[in-house]
Amino acid sequence: MRNLIVCAGSVVALMAVSAAVAADDDFPIAGTYMQNAKCKGDGTDQTDLLVKITRKEIESSMGFCAILHVRREGKAIGLQVECKIPSGHVILGDVIFTPRDEGTLDFEDQDHTSSAVLYRCGQ
């Protein structure tokens, strides 16, 4: 009986890992990027320009954002985010990432006050 419980626990854990991998595959913008500059990848990239995007969050020097909702708009991916900025304030808003050629993303916020081109860094 104990072996059955251990086996069942392993199956549940494997299913959770598989679901997480499938979720990342379904979220094509996941990765590490540089703002408005190509990644060199030789250790000289400006760390304050790095942006890390996962299925659940966006992390950059501007703050940490939890992704609350994802919607597709053609090629564009719209996100509703809740961001905690360095001052400690929490901001709720929408952003749009539009994939472009050569691993770049166009970024724009809901008010069109902030935009950037994000260049994908090597995996």
PDB file of N, CA and C in Angstrom:
ATOM      1  N   MET A   1       0.814  -1.183   0.000  1.00  0.00           N
ATOM      2  CA  MET A   1       0.000   0.000   0.000  1.00  0.00           C
ATOM      3  C   MET A   1       0.866   1.258   0.000  1.00  0.00           C
ATOM      4  N   ARG A   2       1.932   1.242   0.794  1.00  0.00           N
ATOM      5  CA  ARG A   2       2.813   2.408   0.867  1.00  0.00           C
ATOM      6  C   ARG A   2       3.443   2.698  -0.491  1.00  0.00           C
ATOM      7  N   ASN A   3       3.854   1.655  -1.228  1.00  0.00           N
ATOM      8  CA  ASN A   3       4.429   1.849  -2.560  1.00  0.00           C
ATOM      9  C   ASN A   3       3.427   2.491  -3.509  1.00  0.00           C
ATOM     10  N   LEU A   4       2.166   2.137  -3.365  1.00  0.00           N
ATOM     11  CA  LEU A   4       1.110   2.710  -4.197  1.00  0.00           C
ATOM     12  C   LEU A   4       0.957   4.203  -3.913  1.00  0.00           C
ATOM     13  N   ILE A   5       1.032   4.592  -2.641  1.00  0.00           N
ATOM     14  CA  ILE A   5       0.921   6.007  -2.264  1.00  0.00           C
ATOM     15  C   ILE A   5       2.104   6.792  -2.807  1.00  0.00           C
ATOM     16  N   VAL A   6       3.326   6.258  -2.670  1.00  0.00           N
ATOM     17  CA  VAL A   6       4.519   6.918  -3.193  1.00  0.00           C
ATOM     18  C   VAL A   6       4.421   7.058  -4.703  1.00  0.00           C
ATOM     19  N   CYS A   7       3.970   6.000  -5.384  1.00  0.00           N
ATOM     20  CA  CYS A   7       3.825   6.031  -6.830  1.00  0.00           C
ATOM     21  C   CYS A   7       2.792   7.069  -7.253  1.00  0.00           C
ATOM     22  N   ALA A   8       1.663   7.120  -6.559  1.00  0.00           N
ATOM     23  CA  ALA A   8       0.621   8.095  -6.877  1.00  0.00           C
ATOM     24  C   ALA A   8       1.138   9.516  -6.671  1.00  0.00           C
ATOM     25  N   GLY A   9       1.906   9.729  -5.610  1.00  0.00           N
ATOM     26  CA  GLY A   9       2.492  11.045  -5.359  1.00  0.00           C
ATOM     27  C   GLY A   9       3.458  11.438  -6.467  1.00  0.00           C
ATOM     28  N   SER A  10       4.225  10.502  -6.961  1.00  0.00           N
ATOM     29  CA  SER A  10       5.159  10.767  -8.059  1.00  0.00           C
ATOM     30  C   SER A  10       4.416  11.133  -9.334  1.00  0.00           C
ATOM     31  N   VAL A  11       3.321  10.448  -9.599  1.00  0.00           N
ATOM     32  CA  VAL A  11       2.521  10.740 -10.795  1.00  0.00           C
ATOM     33  C   VAL A  11       1.941  12.150 -10.708  1.00  0.00           C
ATOM     34  N   VAL A  12       1.427  12.535  -9.543  1.00  0.00           N
ATOM     35  CA  VAL A  12       0.866  13.873  -9.370  1.00  0.00           C
ATOM     36  C   VAL A  12       1.956  14.927  -9.576  1.00  0.00           C
ATOM     37  N   ALA A  13       3.140  14.705  -9.009  1.00  0.00           N
ATOM     38  CA  ALA A  13       4.244  15.650  -9.170  1.00  0.00           C
ATOM     39  C   ALA A  13       4.656  15.763 -10.634  1.00  0.00           C
ATOM     40  N   LEU A  14       4.728  14.645 -11.335  1.00  0.00           N
ATOM     41  CA  LEU A  14       5.090  14.640 -12.753  1.00  0.00           C
ATOM     42  C   LEU A  14       4.047  15.387 -13.579  1.00  0.00           C
ATOM     43  N   MET A  15       2.771  15.201 -13.244  1.00  0.00           N
ATOM     44  CA  MET A  15       1.712  15.907 -13.960  1.00  0.00           C
ATOM     45  C   MET A  15       1.820  17.418 -13.731  1.00  0.00           C
ATOM     46  N   ALA A  16       2.164  17.836 -12.539  1.00  0.00           N
ATOM     47  CA  ALA A  16       2.309  19.262 -12.245  1.00  0.00           C
ATOM     48  C   ALA A  16       3.462  19.863 -13.035  1.00  0.00           C
ATOM     49  N   VAL A  17       4.583  19.158 -13.106  1.00  0.00           N
ATOM     50  CA  VAL A  17       5.731  19.629 -13.884  1.00  0.00           C
ATOM     51  C   VAL A  17       5.372  19.691 -15.358  1.00  0.00           C
ATOM     52  N   SER A  18       4.685  18.681 -15.873  1.00  0.00           N
ATOM     53  CA  SER A  18       4.271  18.666 -17.276  1.00  0.00           C
ATOM     54  C   SER A  18       3.341  19.830 -17.578  1.00  0.00           C
ATOM     55  N   ALA A  19       2.423  20.126 -16.684  1.00  0.00           N
ATOM     56  CA  ALA A  19       1.498  21.245 -16.884  1.00  0.00           C
ATOM     57  C   ALA A  19       2.253  22.566 -16.900  1.00  0.00           C
ATOM     58  N   ALA A  20       3.254  22.717 -16.045  1.00  0.00           N
ATOM     59  CA  ALA A  20       4.038  23.944 -16.019  1.00  0.00           C
ATOM     60  C   ALA A  20       4.820  24.122 -17.309  1.00  0.00           C
ATOM     61  N   VAL A  21       5.405  23.046 -17.830  1.00  0.00           N
ATOM     62  CA  VAL A  21       6.142  23.116 -19.087  1.00  0.00           C
ATOM     63  C   VAL A  21       5.188  23.475 -20.219  1.00  0.00           C
ATOM     64  N   ALA A  22       4.017  22.856 -20.263  1.00  0.00           N
ATOM     65  CA  ALA A  22       3.039  23.159 -21.298  1.00  0.00           C
ATOM     66  C   ALA A  22       2.600  24.613 -21.210  1.00  0.00           C
ATOM     67  N   ALA A  23       2.431  25.137 -20.004  1.00  0.00           N
ATOM     68  CA  ALA A  23       2.025  26.531 -19.844  1.00  0.00           C
ATOM     69  C   ALA A  23       3.084  27.473 -20.396  1.00  0.00           C
ATOM     70  N   ASP A  24       4.381  27.186 -20.171  1.00  0.00           N
ATOM     71  CA  ASP A  24       5.447  28.026 -20.709  1.00  0.00           C
ATOM     72  C   ASP A  24       5.487  27.950 -22.226  1.00  0.00           C
ATOM     73  N   ASP A  25       5.250  26.756 -22.793  1.00  0.00           N
ATOM     74  CA  ASP A  25       5.222  26.621 -24.241  1.00  0.00           C
ATOM     75  C   ASP A  25       4.080  27.424 -24.837  1.00  0.00           C
ATOM     76  N   ASP A  26       2.998  27.574 -24.094  1.00  0.00           N
ATOM     77  CA  ASP A  26       1.836  28.324 -24.554  1.00  0.00           C
ATOM     78  C   ASP A  26       1.998  29.824 -24.289  1.00  0.00           C
ATOM     79  N   PHE A  27       3.109  30.241 -23.739  1.00  0.00           N
ATOM     80  CA  PHE A  27       3.379  31.634 -23.418  1.00  0.00           C
ATOM     81  C   PHE A  27       4.694  32.022 -24.098  1.00  0.00           C
ATOM     82  N   PRO A  28       4.626  32.328 -25.396  1.00  0.00           N
ATOM     83  CA  PRO A  28       5.837  32.468 -26.205  1.00  0.00           C
ATOM     84  C   PRO A  28       6.743  33.636 -25.854  1.00  0.00           C
ATOM     85  N   ILE A  29       6.287  34.556 -25.016  1.00  0.00           N
ATOM     86  CA  ILE A  29       7.151  35.694 -24.677  1.00  0.00           C
ATOM     87  C   ILE A  29       7.993  35.443 -23.435  1.00  0.00           C
ATOM     88  N   ALA A  30       7.857  34.281 -22.816  1.00  0.00           N
ATOM     89  CA  ALA A  30       8.674  33.966 -21.637  1.00  0.00           C
ATOM     90  C   ALA A  30      10.143  33.971 -22.025  1.00  0.00           C
ATOM     91  N   GLY A  31      10.963  34.609 -21.196  1.00  0.00           N
ATOM     92  CA  GLY A  31      12.394  34.647 -21.453  1.00  0.00           C
ATOM     93  C   GLY A  31      13.029  35.856 -20.795  1.00  0.00           C
ATOM     94  N   THR A  32      14.309  36.045 -21.075  1.00  0.00           N
ATOM     95  CA  THR A  32      15.061  37.185 -20.566  1.00  0.00           C
ATOM     96  C   THR A  32      15.382  38.105 -21.728  1.00  0.00           C
ATOM     97  N   TYR A  33      15.180  39.397 -21.507  1.00  0.00           N
ATOM     98  CA  TYR A  33      15.339  40.397 -22.552  1.00  0.00           C
ATOM     99  C   TYR A  33      16.151  41.583 -22.055  1.00  0.00           C
ATOM    100  N   MET A  34      16.658  42.369 -23.015  1.00  0.00           N
ATOM    101  CA  MET A  34      17.292  43.657 -22.725  1.00  0.00           C
ATOM    102  C   MET A  34      16.402  44.741 -23.307  1.00  0.00           C
ATOM    103  N   GLN A  35      16.268  45.848 -22.573  1.00  0.00           N
ATOM    104  CA  GLN A  35      15.481  46.991 -23.044  1.00  0.00           C
ATOM    105  C   GLN A  35      16.297  47.840 -24.005  1.00  0.00           C
ATOM    106  N   ASN A  36      15.774  47.991 -25.231  1.00  0.00           N
ATOM    107  CA  ASN A  36      16.324  48.912 -26.236  1.00  0.00           C
ATOM    108  C   ASN A  36      17.796  48.677 -26.570  1.00  0.00           C
ATOM    109  N   ALA A  37      18.292  47.477 -26.350  1.00  0.00           N
ATOM    110  CA  ALA A  37      19.676  47.137 -26.691  1.00  0.00           C
ATOM    111  C   ALA A  37      19.787  45.632 -26.881  1.00  0.00           C
ATOM    112  N   LYS A  38      20.627  45.226 -27.813  1.00  0.00           N
ATOM    113  CA  LYS A  38      20.828  43.790 -28.017  1.00  0.00           C
ATOM    114  C   LYS A  38      21.682  43.222 -26.887  1.00  0.00           C
ATOM    115  N   CYS A  39      21.366  41.992 -26.521  1.00  0.00           N
ATOM    116  CA  CYS A  39      22.139  41.291 -25.482  1.00  0.00           C
ATOM    117  C   CYS A  39      23.498  40.903 -26.047  1.00  0.00           C
ATOM    118  N   LYS A  40      24.535  41.162 -25.271  1.00  0.00           N
ATOM    119  CA  LYS A  40      25.874  40.737 -25.668  1.00  0.00           C
ATOM    120  C   LYS A  40      26.150  39.326 -25.154  1.00  0.00           C
ATOM    121  N   GLY A  41      25.668  39.049 -23.946  1.00  0.00           N
ATOM    122  CA  GLY A  41      25.838  37.722 -23.366  1.00  0.00           C
ATOM    123  C   GLY A  41      27.244  37.423 -22.891  1.00  0.00           C
ATOM    124  N   ASP A  42      28.101  38.445 -22.816  1.00  0.00           N
ATOM    125  CA  ASP A  42      29.486  38.238 -22.391  1.00  0.00           C
ATOM    126  C   ASP A  42      29.758  38.770 -20.984  1.00  0.00           C
ATOM    127  N   GLY A  43      28.677  39.065 -20.247  1.00  0.00           N
ATOM    128  CA  GLY A  43      28.829  39.570 -18.891  1.00  0.00           C
ATOM    129  C   GLY A  43      28.905  41.082 -18.799  1.00  0.00           C
ATOM    130  N   THR A  44      28.877  41.779 -19.949  1.00  0.00           N
ATOM    131  CA  THR A  44      28.958  43.240 -19.930  1.00  0.00           C
ATOM    132  C   THR A  44      27.602  43.919 -20.130  1.00  0.00           C
ATOM    133  N   ASP A  45      26.531  43.129 -20.235  1.00  0.00           N
ATOM    134  CA  ASP A  45      25.195  43.709 -20.400  1.00  0.00           C
ATOM    135  C   ASP A  45      24.814  44.490 -19.145  1.00  0.00           C
ATOM    136  N   GLN A  46      24.132  45.616 -19.331  1.00  0.00           N
ATOM    137  CA  GLN A  46      23.677  46.424 -18.199  1.00  0.00           C
ATOM    138  C   GLN A  46      22.543  45.699 -17.492  1.00  0.00           C
ATOM    139  N   THR A  47      22.762  45.323 -16.243  1.00  0.00           N
ATOM    140  CA  THR A  47      21.752  44.568 -15.496  1.00  0.00           C
ATOM    141  C   THR A  47      20.480  45.377 -15.259  1.00  0.00           C
ATOM    142  N   ASP A  48      20.586  46.711 -15.233  1.00  0.00           N
ATOM    143  CA  ASP A  48      19.389  47.524 -15.019  1.00  0.00           C
ATOM    144  C   ASP A  48      18.487  47.564 -16.254  1.00  0.00           C
ATOM    145  N   LEU A  49      18.950  47.013 -17.377  1.00  0.00           N
ATOM    146  CA  LEU A  49      18.141  46.949 -18.594  1.00  0.00           C
ATOM    147  C   LEU A  49      17.525  45.566 -18.817  1.00  0.00           C
ATOM    148  N   LEU A  50      17.842  44.620 -17.929  1.00  0.00           N
ATOM    149  CA  LEU A  50      17.307  43.267 -18.085  1.00  0.00           C
ATOM    150  C   LEU A  50      15.842  43.190 -17.665  1.00  0.00           C
ATOM    151  N   VAL A  51      15.080  42.421 -18.416  1.00  0.00           N
ATOM    152  CA  VAL A  51      13.667  42.163 -18.125  1.00  0.00           C
ATOM    153  C   VAL A  51      13.461  40.662 -18.207  1.00  0.00           C
ATOM    154  N   LYS A  52      12.960  40.067 -17.130  1.00  0.00           N
ATOM    155  CA  LYS A  52      12.680  38.635 -17.117  1.00  0.00           C
ATOM    156  C   LYS A  52      11.166  38.447 -17.090  1.00  0.00           C
ATOM    157  N   ILE A  53      10.675  37.674 -18.077  1.00  0.00           N
ATOM    158  CA  ILE A  53       9.238  37.422 -18.183  1.00  0.00           C
ATOM    159  C   ILE A  53       8.985  35.932 -18.022  1.00  0.00           C
ATOM    160  N   THR A  54       8.107  35.581 -17.098  1.00  0.00           N
ATOM    161  CA  THR A  54       7.634  34.201 -16.957  1.00  0.00           C
ATOM    162  C   THR A  54       6.123  34.223 -17.143  1.00  0.00           C
ATOM    163  N   ARG A  55       5.511  33.090 -17.080  1.00  0.00           N
ATOM    164  CA  ARG A  55       4.055  32.990 -17.236  1.00  0.00           C
ATOM    165  C   ARG A  55       3.317  33.720 -16.111  1.00  0.00           C
ATOM    166  N   LYS A  56       3.978  33.892 -14.976  1.00  0.00           N
ATOM    167  CA  LYS A  56       3.320  34.464 -13.803  1.00  0.00           C
ATOM    168  C   LYS A  56       3.793  35.855 -13.415  1.00  0.00           C
ATOM    169  N   GLU A  57       4.981  36.287 -13.919  1.00  0.00           N
ATOM    170  CA  GLU A  57       5.525  37.556 -13.451  1.00  0.00           C
ATOM    171  C   GLU A  57       6.484  38.188 -14.445  1.00  0.00           C
ATOM    172  N   ILE A  58       6.700  39.478 -14.237  1.00  0.00           N
ATOM    173  CA  ILE A  58       7.680  40.248 -14.993  1.00  0.00           C
ATOM    174  C   ILE A  58       8.562  40.938 -13.969  1.00  0.00           C
ATOM    175  N   GLU A  59       9.866  40.798 -14.137  1.00  0.00           N
ATOM    176  CA  GLU A  59      10.808  41.400 -13.196  1.00  0.00           C
ATOM    177  C   GLU A  59      11.782  42.288 -13.968  1.00  0.00           C
ATOM    178  N   SER A  60      11.913  43.529 -13.525  1.00  0.00           N
ATOM    179  CA  SER A  60      12.859  44.459 -14.148  1.00  0.00           C
ATOM    180  C   SER A  60      13.309  45.468 -13.098  1.00  0.00           C
ATOM    181  N   SER A  61      14.202  46.373 -13.502  1.00  0.00           N
ATOM    182  CA  SER A  61      14.658  47.400 -12.563  1.00  0.00           C
ATOM    183  C   SER A  61      13.537  48.368 -12.214  1.00  0.00           C
ATOM    184  N   MET A  62      12.476  48.394 -13.008  1.00  0.00           N
ATOM    185  CA  MET A  62      11.337  49.278 -12.756  1.00  0.00           C
ATOM    186  C   MET A  62      10.395  48.716 -11.692  1.00  0.00           C
ATOM    187  N   GLY A  63      10.548  47.423 -11.382  1.00  0.00           N
ATOM    188  CA  GLY A  63       9.703  46.823 -10.369  1.00  0.00           C
ATOM    189  C   GLY A  63       9.400  45.365 -10.658  1.00  0.00           C
ATOM    190  N   PHE A  64       8.539  44.821  -9.841  1.00  0.00           N
ATOM    191  CA  PHE A  64       8.116  43.429  -9.940  1.00  0.00           C
ATOM    192  C   PHE A  64       6.621  43.422 -10.229  1.00  0.00           C
ATOM    193  N   CYS A  65       6.222  42.739 -11.307  1.00  0.00           N
ATOM    194  CA  CYS A  65       4.804  42.709 -11.693  1.00  0.00           C
ATOM    195  C   CYS A  65       4.275  41.285 -11.687  1.00  0.00           C
ATOM    196  N   ALA A  66       3.167  41.088 -11.019  1.00  0.00           N
ATOM    197  CA  ALA A  66       2.445  39.821 -11.074  1.00  0.00           C
ATOM    198  C   ALA A  66       1.484  39.903 -12.264  1.00  0.00           C
ATOM    199  N   ILE A  67       1.437  38.855 -13.067  1.00  0.00           N
ATOM    200  CA  ILE A  67       0.528  38.808 -14.203  1.00  0.00           C
ATOM    201  C   ILE A  67      -0.807  38.255 -13.719  1.00  0.00           C
ATOM    202  N   LEU A  68      -1.848  39.082 -13.833  1.00  0.00           N
ATOM    203  CA  LEU A  68      -3.172  38.714 -13.336  1.00  0.00           C
ATOM    204  C   LEU A  68      -4.051  38.085 -14.415  1.00  0.00           C
ATOM    205  N   HIS A  69      -3.891  38.549 -15.654  1.00  0.00           N
ATOM    206  CA  HIS A  69      -4.743  38.074 -16.740  1.00  0.00           C
ATOM    207  C   HIS A  69      -3.991  38.205 -18.060  1.00  0.00           C
ATOM    208  N   VAL A  70      -4.175  37.227 -18.937  1.00  0.00           N
ATOM    209  CA  VAL A  70      -3.539  37.221 -20.261  1.00  0.00           C
ATOM    210  C   VAL A  70      -4.636  37.166 -21.314  1.00  0.00           C
ATOM    211  N   ARG A  71      -4.472  37.987 -22.351  1.00  0.00           N
ATOM    212  CA  ARG A  71      -5.398  37.916 -23.479  1.00  0.00           C
ATOM    213  C   ARG A  71      -4.601  38.042 -24.774  1.00  0.00           C
ATOM    214  N   ARG A  72      -5.062  37.349 -25.798  1.00  0.00           N
ATOM    215  CA  ARG A  72      -4.424  37.410 -27.120  1.00  0.00           C
ATOM    216  C   ARG A  72      -5.172  38.405 -27.981  1.00  0.00           C
ATOM    217  N   GLU A  73      -4.412  39.195 -28.716  1.00  0.00           N
ATOM    218  CA  GLU A  73      -4.969  40.155 -29.663  1.00  0.00           C
ATOM    219  C   GLU A  73      -4.205  39.997 -30.967  1.00  0.00           C
ATOM    220  N   GLY A  74      -4.530  38.947 -31.750  1.00  0.00           N
ATOM    221  CA  GLY A  74      -3.741  38.637 -32.937  1.00  0.00           C
ATOM    222  C   GLY A  74      -2.372  38.162 -32.498  1.00  0.00           C
ATOM    223  N   LYS A  75      -1.314  38.803 -33.003  1.00  0.00           N
ATOM    224  CA  LYS A  75       0.050  38.460 -32.588  1.00  0.00           C
ATOM    225  C   LYS A  75       0.383  39.023 -31.212  1.00  0.00           C
ATOM    226  N   ALA A  76      -0.318  40.071 -30.819  1.00  0.00           N
ATOM    227  CA  ALA A  76      -0.019  40.754 -29.557  1.00  0.00           C
ATOM    228  C   ALA A  76      -0.560  39.968 -28.366  1.00  0.00           C
ATOM    229  N   ILE A  77       0.140  40.124 -27.249  1.00  0.00           N
ATOM    230  CA  ILE A  77      -0.271  39.502 -25.989  1.00  0.00           C
ATOM    231  C   ILE A  77      -0.485  40.621 -24.983  1.00  0.00           C
ATOM    232  N   GLY A  78      -1.733  40.774 -24.566  1.00  0.00           N
ATOM    233  CA  GLY A  78      -2.081  41.793 -23.586  1.00  0.00           C
ATOM    234  C   GLY A  78      -2.080  41.192 -22.190  1.00  0.00           C
ATOM    235  N   LEU A  79      -1.522  41.923 -21.250  1.00  0.00           N
ATOM    236  CA  LEU A  79      -1.444  41.448 -19.874  1.00  0.00           C
ATOM    237  C   LEU A  79      -2.024  42.488 -18.924  1.00  0.00           C
ATOM    238  N   GLN A  80      -2.820  42.033 -17.991  1.00  0.00           N
ATOM    239  CA  GLN A  80      -3.201  42.882 -16.870  1.00  0.00           C
ATOM    240  C   GLN A  80      -2.205  42.550 -15.776  1.00  0.00           C
ATOM    241  N   VAL A  81      -1.529  43.575 -15.253  1.00  0.00           N
ATOM    242  CA  VAL A  81      -0.470  43.356 -14.276  1.00  0.00           C
ATOM    243  C   VAL A  81      -0.689  44.194 -13.023  1.00  0.00           C
ATOM    244  N   GLU A  82      -0.163  43.681 -11.930  1.00  0.00           N
ATOM    245  CA  GLU A  82      -0.109  44.416 -10.673  1.00  0.00           C
ATOM    246  C   GLU A  82       1.367  44.541 -10.327  1.00  0.00           C
ATOM    247  N   CYS A  83       1.866  45.781 -10.351  1.00  0.00           N
ATOM    248  CA  CYS A  83       3.302  46.010 -10.195  1.00  0.00           C
ATOM    249  C   CYS A  83       3.628  46.727  -8.891  1.00  0.00           C
ATOM    250  N   LYS A  84       4.648  46.237  -8.242  1.00  0.00           N
ATOM    251  CA  LYS A  84       5.187  46.911  -7.064  1.00  0.00           C
ATOM    252  C   LYS A  84       6.474  47.583  -7.525  1.00  0.00           C
ATOM    253  N   ILE A  85       6.477  48.919  -7.475  1.00  0.00           N
ATOM    254  CA  ILE A  85       7.629  49.668  -7.945  1.00  0.00           C
ATOM    255  C   ILE A  85       8.572  49.940  -6.778  1.00  0.00           C
ATOM    256  N   PRO A  86       9.833  50.330  -7.071  1.00  0.00           N
ATOM    257  CA  PRO A  86      10.821  50.497  -5.995  1.00  0.00           C
ATOM    258  C   PRO A  86      10.377  51.410  -4.852  1.00  0.00           C
ATOM    259  N   SER A  87       9.504  52.375  -5.114  1.00  0.00           N
ATOM    260  CA  SER A  87       9.054  53.268  -4.037  1.00  0.00           C
ATOM    261  C   SER A  87       8.105  52.564  -3.069  1.00  0.00           C
ATOM    262  N   GLY A  88       7.673  51.342  -3.440  1.00  0.00           N
ATOM    263  CA  GLY A  88       6.758  50.596  -2.595  1.00  0.00           C
ATOM    264  C   GLY A  88       5.307  50.699  -3.030  1.00  0.00           C
ATOM    265  N   HIS A  89       5.016  51.596  -3.944  1.00  0.00           N
ATOM    266  CA  HIS A  89       3.655  51.741  -4.447  1.00  0.00           C
ATOM    267  C   HIS A  89       3.261  50.545  -5.304  1.00  0.00           C
ATOM    268  N   VAL A  90       1.965  50.263  -5.339  1.00  0.00           N
ATOM    269  CA  VAL A  90       1.434  49.191  -6.176  1.00  0.00           C
ATOM    270  C   VAL A  90       0.588  49.826  -7.268  1.00  0.00           C
ATOM    271  N   ILE A  91       0.850  49.422  -8.512  1.00  0.00           N
ATOM    272  CA  ILE A  91       0.149  49.966  -9.666  1.00  0.00           C
ATOM    273  C   ILE A  91      -0.545  48.827 -10.398  1.00  0.00           C
ATOM    274  N   LEU A  92      -1.793  49.020 -10.753  1.00  0.00           N
ATOM    275  CA  LEU A  92      -2.556  48.058 -11.542  1.00  0.00           C
ATOM    276  C   LEU A  92      -2.705  48.638 -12.939  1.00  0.00           C
ATOM    277  N   GLY A  93      -2.399  47.850 -13.972  1.00  0.00           N
ATOM    278  CA  GLY A  93      -2.506  48.371 -15.331  1.00  0.00           C
ATOM    279  C   GLY A  93      -2.428  47.280 -16.373  1.00  0.00           C
ATOM    280  N   ASP A  94      -2.502  47.703 -17.620  1.00  0.00           N
ATOM    281  CA  ASP A  94      -2.417  46.795 -18.753  1.00  0.00           C
ATOM    282  C   ASP A  94      -1.200  47.143 -19.589  1.00  0.00           C
ATOM    283  N   VAL A  95      -0.558  46.111 -20.125  1.00  0.00           N
ATOM    284  CA  VAL A  95       0.571  46.282 -21.025  1.00  0.00           C
ATOM    285  C   VAL A  95       0.369  45.349 -22.213  1.00  0.00           C
ATOM    286  N   ILE A  96       1.016  45.684 -23.329  1.00  0.00           N
ATOM    287  CA  ILE A  96       0.926  44.856 -24.529  1.00  0.00           C
ATOM    288  C   ILE A  96       2.324  44.543 -25.017  1.00  0.00           C
ATOM    289  N   PHE A  97       2.576  43.271 -25.286  1.00  0.00           N
ATOM    290  CA  PHE A  97       3.810  42.807 -25.892  1.00  0.00           C
ATOM    291  C   PHE A  97       3.473  42.284 -27.279  1.00  0.00           C
ATOM    292  N   THR A  98       4.161  42.792 -28.293  1.00  0.00           N
ATOM    293  CA  THR A  98       3.938  42.330 -29.659  1.00  0.00           C
ATOM    294  C   THR A  98       5.220  41.696 -30.173  1.00  0.00           C
ATOM    295  N   PRO A  99       5.228  40.371 -30.397  1.00  0.00           N
ATOM    296  CA  PRO A  99       6.421  39.709 -30.928  1.00  0.00           C
ATOM    297  C   PRO A  99       6.756  40.217 -32.328  1.00  0.00           C
ATOM    298  N   ARG A 100       8.033  40.447 -32.565  1.00  0.00           N
ATOM    299  CA  ARG A 100       8.547  40.879 -33.869  1.00  0.00           C
ATOM    300  C   ARG A 100       9.613  39.890 -34.327  1.00  0.00           C
ATOM    301  N   ASP A 101      10.190  40.154 -35.461  1.00  0.00           N
ATOM    302  CA  ASP A 101      11.224  39.276 -36.011  1.00  0.00           C
ATOM    303  C   ASP A 101      12.476  39.286 -35.146  1.00  0.00           C
ATOM    304  N   GLU A 102      13.274  38.249 -35.290  1.00  0.00           N
ATOM    305  CA  GLU A 102      14.577  38.127 -34.631  1.00  0.00           C
ATOM    306  C   GLU A 102      14.508  38.176 -33.109  1.00  0.00           C
ATOM    307  N   GLY A 103      13.438  37.655 -32.516  1.00  0.00           N
ATOM    308  CA  GLY A 103      13.359  37.541 -31.064  1.00  0.00           C
ATOM    309  C   GLY A 103      13.144  38.837 -30.326  1.00  0.00           C
ATOM    310  N   THR A 104      12.571  39.843 -30.975  1.00  0.00           N
ATOM    311  CA  THR A 104      12.295  41.093 -30.278  1.00  0.00           C
ATOM    312  C   THR A 104      10.812  41.191 -29.933  1.00  0.00           C
ATOM    313  N   LEU A 105      10.538  42.005 -28.932  1.00  0.00           N
ATOM    314  CA  LEU A 105       9.163  42.304 -28.532  1.00  0.00           C
ATOM    315  C   LEU A 105       9.001  43.812 -28.479  1.00  0.00           C
ATOM    316  N   ASP A 106       7.892  44.300 -29.006  1.00  0.00           N
ATOM    317  CA  ASP A 106       7.528  45.696 -28.773  1.00  0.00           C
ATOM    318  C   ASP A 106       6.712  45.714 -27.494  1.00  0.00           C
ATOM    319  N   PHE A 107       7.000  46.670 -26.624  1.00  0.00           N
ATOM    320  CA  PHE A 107       6.295  46.821 -25.357  1.00  0.00           C
ATOM    321  C   PHE A 107       5.637  48.192 -25.333  1.00  0.00           C
ATOM    322  N   GLU A 108       4.392  48.229 -24.850  1.00  0.00           N
ATOM    323  CA  GLU A 108       3.716  49.509 -24.651  1.00  0.00           C
ATOM    324  C   GLU A 108       2.745  49.376 -23.489  1.00  0.00           C
ATOM    325  N   ASP A 109       2.653  50.441 -22.680  1.00  0.00           N
ATOM    326  CA  ASP A 109       1.699  50.417 -21.569  1.00  0.00           C
ATOM    327  C   ASP A 109       0.344  50.955 -22.042  1.00  0.00           C
ATOM    328  N   GLN A 110      -0.662  50.812 -21.180  1.00  0.00           N
ATOM    329  CA  GLN A 110      -2.035  51.159 -21.551  1.00  0.00           C
ATOM    330  C   GLN A 110      -2.223  52.634 -21.881  1.00  0.00           C
ATOM    331  N   ASP A 111      -1.420  53.494 -21.297  1.00  0.00           N
ATOM    332  CA  ASP A 111      -1.572  54.936 -21.508  1.00  0.00           C
ATOM    333  C   ASP A 111      -0.660  55.468 -22.605  1.00  0.00           C
ATOM    334  N   HIS A 112       0.092  54.570 -23.222  1.00  0.00           N
ATOM    335  CA  HIS A 112       1.031  54.938 -24.291  1.00  0.00           C
ATOM    336  C   HIS A 112       2.069  55.949 -23.809  1.00  0.00           C
ATOM    337  N   THR A 113       2.452  55.852 -22.537  1.00  0.00           N
ATOM    338  CA  THR A 113       3.465  56.748 -21.986  1.00  0.00           C
ATOM    339  C   THR A 113       4.823  56.069 -21.863  1.00  0.00           C
ATOM    340  N   SER A 114       4.831  54.756 -21.975  1.00  0.00           N
ATOM    341  CA  SER A 114       6.078  54.008 -21.855  1.00  0.00           C
ATOM    342  C   SER A 114       6.114  52.936 -22.934  1.00  0.00           C
ATOM    343  N   SER A 115       7.203  52.922 -23.684  1.00  0.00           N
ATOM    344  CA  SER A 115       7.357  51.898 -24.711  1.00  0.00           C
ATOM    345  C   SER A 115       8.827  51.508 -24.779  1.00  0.00           C
ATOM    346  N   ALA A 116       9.073  50.339 -25.330  1.00  0.00           N
ATOM    347  CA  ALA A 116      10.443  49.849 -25.465  1.00  0.00           C
ATOM    348  C   ALA A 116      10.462  48.719 -26.487  1.00  0.00           C
ATOM    349  N   VAL A 117      11.635  48.466 -27.007  1.00  0.00           N
ATOM    350  CA  VAL A 117      11.875  47.268 -27.790  1.00  0.00           C
ATOM    351  C   VAL A 117      12.708  46.353 -26.897  1.00  0.00           C
ATOM    352  N   LEU A 118      12.226  45.132 -26.703  1.00  0.00           N
ATOM    353  CA  LEU A 118      12.941  44.159 -25.867  1.00  0.00           C
ATOM    354  C   LEU A 118      13.614  43.137 -26.771  1.00  0.00           C
ATOM    355  N   TYR A 119      14.918  42.953 -26.574  1.00  0.00           N
ATOM    356  CA  TYR A 119      15.714  42.013 -27.356  1.00  0.00           C
ATOM    357  C   TYR A 119      15.948  40.759 -26.523  1.00  0.00           C
ATOM    358  N   ARG A 120      15.557  39.606 -27.078  1.00  0.00           N
ATOM    359  CA  ARG A 120      15.703  38.340 -26.347  1.00  0.00           C
ATOM    360  C   ARG A 120      17.178  38.009 -26.171  1.00  0.00           C
ATOM    361  N   CYS A 121      17.516  37.608 -24.949  1.00  0.00           N
ATOM    362  CA  CYS A 121      18.868  37.183 -24.629  1.00  0.00           C
ATOM    363  C   CYS A 121      18.959  35.665 -24.810  1.00  0.00           C
ATOM    364  N   GLY A 122      20.162  35.166 -25.022  1.00  0.00           N
ATOM    365  CA  GLY A 122      20.361  33.730 -25.178  1.00  0.00           C
ATOM    366  C   GLY A 122      19.855  32.956 -23.986  1.00  0.00           C
ATOM    367  N   GLN A 123      19.409  31.745 -24.240  1.00  0.00           N
ATOM    368  CA  GLN A 123      18.825  30.922 -23.175  1.00  0.00           C
ATOM    369  C   GLN A 123      19.898  30.337 -22.346  1.00  0.00           C
TER     370      GLN A 123
END
